Amino acid sequence: MMKNFKQGEYVYIPSNVMLFRIDMDQKKDLTNFEAAKLMEKPQHLMFINECKVDSNWVQVFYKGELWTVKKENIYEIEEEG
């Protein structure tokens, strides 16, 4: 299934997914990261954009900072009702 998200849209990230903080202005690839965070609980985070270096990764907004996560680990938020 093709996942297309819009900037500013909230996405669902399940527990046990790794987020990585990468300075995309300084890094030309995704192998070097400044920090990593394992999501202990599911989260609703704001989608920012796809990574220009590798479209399999996206940036989300988490606790006031941009974090990178594998695109396969984010999902649309299903509306209740």
Protein backbone atom coordinates (compact mmCIF):
# COMPACT_ATOMS: atom_id res chain seq x y z
CA MET A 1 0.00 0.00 0.00
CA MET A 2 1.39 3.38 -1.01
CA LYS A 3 1.55 5.83 1.86
CA ASN A 4 1.18 9.48 0.92
CA PHE A 5 1.01 11.93 3.77
CA LYS A 6 0.67 15.70 3.71
CA GLN A 7 2.86 18.07 5.66
CA GLY A 8 1.20 18.97 8.96
CA GLU A 9 -0.99 15.85 9.00
CA TYR A 10 -0.83 13.68 12.12
CA VAL A 11 0.28 10.07 11.70
CA TYR A 12 0.11 7.05 13.99
CA ILE A 13 3.36 5.46 15.14
CA PRO A 14 2.98 2.20 17.10
CA SER A 15 5.06 1.25 20.12
CA ASN A 16 8.48 -0.37 19.63
CA VAL A 17 9.35 1.82 16.62
CA MET A 18 12.72 3.58 16.53
CA LEU A 19 13.00 7.30 15.81
CA PHE A 20 16.35 8.79 14.85
CA ARG A 21 17.47 12.40 15.10
CA ILE A 22 19.54 13.30 12.05
CA ASP A 23 20.78 16.73 11.02
CA MET A 24 19.66 16.57 7.39
CA ASP A 25 21.56 19.76 6.52
CA GLN A 26 24.85 18.20 7.63
CA LYS A 27 24.35 14.55 6.65
CA LYS A 28 24.34 13.21 3.12
CA ASP A 29 23.05 9.81 4.23
CA LEU A 30 21.05 8.26 7.04
CA THR A 31 23.76 6.12 8.61
CA ASN A 32 25.01 8.78 11.04
CA PHE A 33 22.50 9.94 13.63
CA GLU A 34 22.73 12.10 16.74
CA ALA A 35 20.18 10.25 18.87
CA ALA A 36 17.73 7.37 18.77
CA LYS A 37 14.46 6.91 20.66
CA LEU A 38 12.39 3.75 21.01
CA MET A 39 8.70 4.57 21.20
CA GLU A 40 7.48 2.89 24.37
CA LYS A 41 3.85 3.87 23.72
CA PRO A 42 1.96 4.49 20.47
CA GLN A 43 2.11 8.13 19.39
CA HIS A 44 0.31 10.56 17.11
CA LEU A 45 3.04 12.74 15.59
CA MET A 46 3.02 15.43 12.93
CA PHE A 47 4.33 14.38 9.52
CA ILE A 48 6.80 16.90 8.09
CA ASN A 49 8.17 15.42 4.84
CA GLU A 50 9.92 12.56 3.10
CA CYS A 51 13.70 12.51 3.42
CA LYS A 52 15.36 13.76 0.27
CA VAL A 53 18.25 11.35 0.71
CA ASP A 54 16.03 8.23 0.94
CA SER A 55 12.26 8.22 0.35
CA ASN A 56 11.91 5.12 2.59
CA TRP A 57 12.37 7.48 5.54
CA VAL A 58 10.25 10.43 6.67
CA GLN A 59 10.58 13.24 9.17
CA VAL A 60 8.10 13.74 12.00
CA PHE A 61 7.84 16.31 14.79
CA TYR A 62 8.43 14.82 18.24
CA LYS A 63 8.90 16.81 21.46
CA GLY A 64 9.88 20.01 19.67
CA GLU A 65 12.40 18.44 17.27
CA LEU A 66 12.52 16.79 13.86
CA TRP A 67 13.01 13.03 14.03
CA THR A 68 13.38 10.48 11.23
CA VAL A 69 11.45 7.22 11.08
CA LYS A 70 11.05 4.46 8.48
CA LYS A 71 8.04 5.18 6.30
CA GLU A 72 6.82 1.59 6.74
CA ASN A 73 6.30 2.32 10.46
CA ILE A 74 3.84 5.19 10.12
CA TYR A 75 0.12 4.85 9.50
CA GLU A 76 -2.91 7.00 8.82
CA ILE A 77 -4.97 7.82 11.87
CA GLU A 78 -8.32 6.10 11.54
CA GLU A 79 -11.29 8.27 12.34
CA GLU A 80 -13.56 7.00 15.08
CA GLY A 81 -17.27 6.58 14.60
